Amino acid sequence: MHFDIDASGTAVVESSGPVRSHIEGEKMQVTGRQRSTPRFDELIVRVRGEYREMPGLSLTIPQAQRLWGLEGATCHTLFERLVETKFLRRTRHGRFVRCDVSSPITQFR
């Protein structure tokens, strides 16, 4: 299953057969390419929640794509928004980490 975001901000899900919505906790039947939840703002809430639950989470865009089943463009847009809002920052190695969590390396300096 993959999510892509259309111009209106609605996630488009690509899958066949029953899938479970991670955001609403409900089962939905998806066949081919259809509009469905979650919306982009719900994806942001979901990703923020993942980073809050795991403060040391450090992901590259390809890792995030695999973890959340997102298309590349969606993942880029998602991370851009989270960086713009100062929730995440991009490290020099291309990983995205929370802004408000100290790095284990800098904690002990």
C-alpha atoms as a PDB file:
ATOM      1  CA  MET A   1       0.000   0.000   0.000  1.00  0.00           C
ATOM      2  CA  HIS A   2       1.296   3.471  -0.904  1.00  0.00           C
ATOM      3  CA  PHE A   3      -0.035   6.959  -0.159  1.00  0.00           C
ATOM      4  CA  ASP A   4       0.278   9.896  -2.508  1.00  0.00           C
ATOM      5  CA  ILE A   5      -1.162  13.366  -1.934  1.00  0.00           C
ATOM      6  CA  ASP A   6      -3.271  15.068  -4.604  1.00  0.00           C
ATOM      7  CA  ALA A   7      -3.584  18.840  -5.105  1.00  0.00           C
ATOM      8  CA  SER A   8      -6.442  19.140  -2.584  1.00  0.00           C
ATOM      9  CA  GLY A   9      -4.341  17.543   0.171  1.00  0.00           C
ATOM     10  CA  THR A  10      -6.228  14.252   0.078  1.00  0.00           C
ATOM     11  CA  ALA A  11      -4.170  11.090   0.318  1.00  0.00           C
ATOM     12  CA  VAL A  12      -4.583   8.701  -2.587  1.00  0.00           C
ATOM     13  CA  VAL A  13      -4.043   5.095  -1.559  1.00  0.00           C
ATOM     14  CA  GLU A  14      -2.721   2.485  -3.967  1.00  0.00           C
ATOM     15  CA  SER A  15      -3.516  -1.061  -2.884  1.00  0.00           C
ATOM     16  CA  SER A  16      -5.858  -3.921  -3.512  1.00  0.00           C
ATOM     17  CA  GLY A  17      -7.779  -5.845  -0.910  1.00  0.00           C
ATOM     18  CA  PRO A  18      -8.614  -4.883   2.652  1.00  0.00           C
ATOM     19  CA  VAL A  19      -6.187  -2.644   4.474  1.00  0.00           C
ATOM     20  CA  ARG A  20      -6.238  -1.196   7.967  1.00  0.00           C
ATOM     21  CA  SER A  21      -6.163   2.552   8.409  1.00  0.00           C
ATOM     22  CA  HIS A  22      -3.386   3.481  10.825  1.00  0.00           C
ATOM     23  CA  ILE A  23      -4.963   6.811  11.589  1.00  0.00           C
ATOM     24  CA  GLU A  24      -8.610   5.978  12.073  1.00  0.00           C
ATOM     25  CA  GLY A  25      -8.202   2.346  13.110  1.00  0.00           C
ATOM     26  CA  GLU A  26     -10.857   1.206  10.692  1.00  0.00           C
ATOM     27  CA  LYS A  27     -10.737  -1.333   7.897  1.00  0.00           C
ATOM     28  CA  MET A  28     -11.279  -0.019   4.406  1.00  0.00           C
ATOM     29  CA  GLN A  29     -11.503  -1.717   1.048  1.00  0.00           C
ATOM     30  CA  VAL A  30      -9.175  -0.188  -1.505  1.00  0.00           C
ATOM     31  CA  THR A  31      -8.957  -1.315  -5.102  1.00  0.00           C
ATOM     32  CA  GLY A  32      -6.636   0.357  -7.593  1.00  0.00           C
ATOM     33  CA  ARG A  33      -6.034   4.083  -7.136  1.00  0.00           C
ATOM     34  CA  GLN A  34      -8.747   5.686  -5.001  1.00  0.00           C
ATOM     35  CA  ARG A  35      -9.138   8.696  -2.757  1.00  0.00           C
ATOM     36  CA  SER A  36      -9.131   7.793   0.880  1.00  0.00           C
ATOM     37  CA  THR A  37      -7.987   9.004   4.268  1.00  0.00           C
ATOM     38  CA  PRO A  38      -5.543  10.027   5.624  1.00  0.00           C
ATOM     39  CA  ARG A  39      -5.308  13.628   4.507  1.00  0.00           C
ATOM     40  CA  PHE A  40      -1.917  15.358   4.433  1.00  0.00           C
ATOM     41  CA  ASP A  41      -2.462  17.073   7.778  1.00  0.00           C
ATOM     42  CA  GLU A  42      -3.281  13.673   9.308  1.00  0.00           C
ATOM     43  CA  LEU A  43      -0.013  12.300   7.911  1.00  0.00           C
ATOM     44  CA  ILE A  44       1.797  15.157   9.637  1.00  0.00           C
ATOM     45  CA  VAL A  45       0.064  14.317  12.921  1.00  0.00           C
ATOM     46  CA  ARG A  46       0.997  10.656  12.472  1.00  0.00           C
ATOM     47  CA  VAL A  47       4.664  11.379  11.748  1.00  0.00           C
ATOM     48  CA  ARG A  48       4.889  13.843  14.655  1.00  0.00           C
ATOM     49  CA  GLY A  49       3.441  11.120  16.879  1.00  0.00           C
ATOM     50  CA  GLU A  50       6.047   8.612  15.701  1.00  0.00           C
ATOM     51  CA  TYR A  51       8.862  11.066  16.433  1.00  0.00           C
ATOM     52  CA  ARG A  52       7.393  11.881  19.864  1.00  0.00           C
ATOM     53  CA  GLU A  53       7.085   8.196  20.769  1.00  0.00           C
ATOM     54  CA  MET A  54      10.688   7.563  19.685  1.00  0.00           C
ATOM     55  CA  PRO A  55      12.697  10.719  20.519  1.00  0.00           C
ATOM     56  CA  GLY A  56      15.897   9.312  19.016  1.00  0.00           C
ATOM     57  CA  LEU A  57      14.251   8.504  15.670  1.00  0.00           C
ATOM     58  CA  SER A  58      16.563   9.473  12.816  1.00  0.00           C
ATOM     59  CA  LEU A  59      15.311   8.694   9.311  1.00  0.00           C
ATOM     60  CA  THR A  60      16.384   9.329   5.755  1.00  0.00           C
ATOM     61  CA  ILE A  61      13.686   9.942   3.149  1.00  0.00           C
ATOM     62  CA  PRO A  62      14.001   6.405   1.677  1.00  0.00           C
ATOM     63  CA  GLN A  63      13.671   4.904   5.173  1.00  0.00           C
ATOM     64  CA  ALA A  64      10.586   7.015   5.889  1.00  0.00           C
ATOM     65  CA  GLN A  65       9.066   5.993   2.553  1.00  0.00           C
ATOM     66  CA  ARG A  66       9.416   2.318   3.473  1.00  0.00           C
ATOM     67  CA  LEU A  67       8.275   2.807   7.067  1.00  0.00           C
ATOM     68  CA  TRP A  68       5.093   4.719   6.220  1.00  0.00           C
ATOM     69  CA  GLY A  69       4.470   3.461   2.669  1.00  0.00           C
ATOM     70  CA  LEU A  70       4.744   6.934   1.127  1.00  0.00           C
ATOM     71  CA  GLU A  71       5.710   8.051  -2.358  1.00  0.00           C
ATOM     72  CA  GLY A  72       8.932  10.043  -2.693  1.00  0.00           C
ATOM     73  CA  ALA A  73       7.279  13.392  -3.486  1.00  0.00           C
ATOM     74  CA  THR A  74       4.879  13.022  -0.567  1.00  0.00           C
ATOM     75  CA  CYS A  75       7.715  12.177   1.790  1.00  0.00           C
ATOM     76  CA  HIS A  76       9.769  15.178   0.608  1.00  0.00           C
ATOM     77  CA  THR A  77       6.802  17.514   1.083  1.00  0.00           C
ATOM     78  CA  LEU A  78       6.037  16.042   4.492  1.00  0.00           C
ATOM     79  CA  PHE A  79       9.598  16.500   5.739  1.00  0.00           C
ATOM     80  CA  GLU A  80       9.824  20.006   4.225  1.00  0.00           C
ATOM     81  CA  ARG A  81       6.721  21.016   6.193  1.00  0.00           C
ATOM     82  CA  LEU A  82       8.061  19.504   9.429  1.00  0.00           C
ATOM     83  CA  VAL A  83      11.404  21.301   8.954  1.00  0.00           C
ATOM     84  CA  GLU A  84       9.656  24.625   8.136  1.00  0.00           C
ATOM     85  CA  THR A  85       7.629  24.364  11.349  1.00  0.00           C
ATOM     86  CA  LYS A  86      10.822  23.618  13.315  1.00  0.00           C
ATOM     87  CA  PHE A  87       9.579  20.203  14.477  1.00  0.00           C
ATOM     88  CA  LEU A  88      12.354  18.371  12.603  1.00  0.00           C
ATOM     89  CA  ARG A  89      15.774  19.328  11.353  1.00  0.00           C
ATOM     90  CA  ARG A  90      17.901  17.727   8.672  1.00  0.00           C
ATOM     91  CA  THR A  91      21.339  16.545   9.748  1.00  0.00           C
ATOM     92  CA  ARG A  92      24.410  16.947   7.576  1.00  0.00           C
ATOM     93  CA  HIS A  93      24.033  13.239   6.754  1.00  0.00           C
ATOM     94  CA  GLY A  94      20.523  13.723   5.342  1.00  0.00           C
ATOM     95  CA  ARG A  95      18.656  12.295   8.329  1.00  0.00           C
ATOM     96  CA  PHE A  96      15.614  13.934   9.858  1.00  0.00           C
ATOM     97  CA  VAL A  97      15.577  14.249  13.658  1.00  0.00           C
ATOM     98  CA  ARG A  98      13.508  16.217  16.163  1.00  0.00           C
ATOM     99  CA  CYS A  99      14.653  19.772  16.812  1.00  0.00           C
ATOM    100  CA  ASP A 100      13.900  19.700  20.528  1.00  0.00           C
ATOM    101  CA  VAL A 101      15.856  16.537  21.351  1.00  0.00           C
ATOM    102  CA  SER A 102      19.557  16.782  22.086  1.00  0.00           C
ATOM    103  CA  SER A 103      21.844  14.525  20.151  1.00  0.00           C
ATOM    104  CA  PRO A 104      23.440  11.813  22.301  1.00  0.00           C
ATOM    105  CA  ILE A 105      26.806  13.036  21.045  1.00  0.00           C
ATOM    106  CA  THR A 106      26.249  16.652  22.134  1.00  0.00           C
ATOM    107  CA  GLN A 107      24.707  15.651  25.489  1.00  0.00           C
ATOM    108  CA  PHE A 108      28.038  14.450  26.828  1.00  0.00           C
ATOM    109  CA  ARG A 109      30.268  17.289  25.573  1.00  0.00           C
END
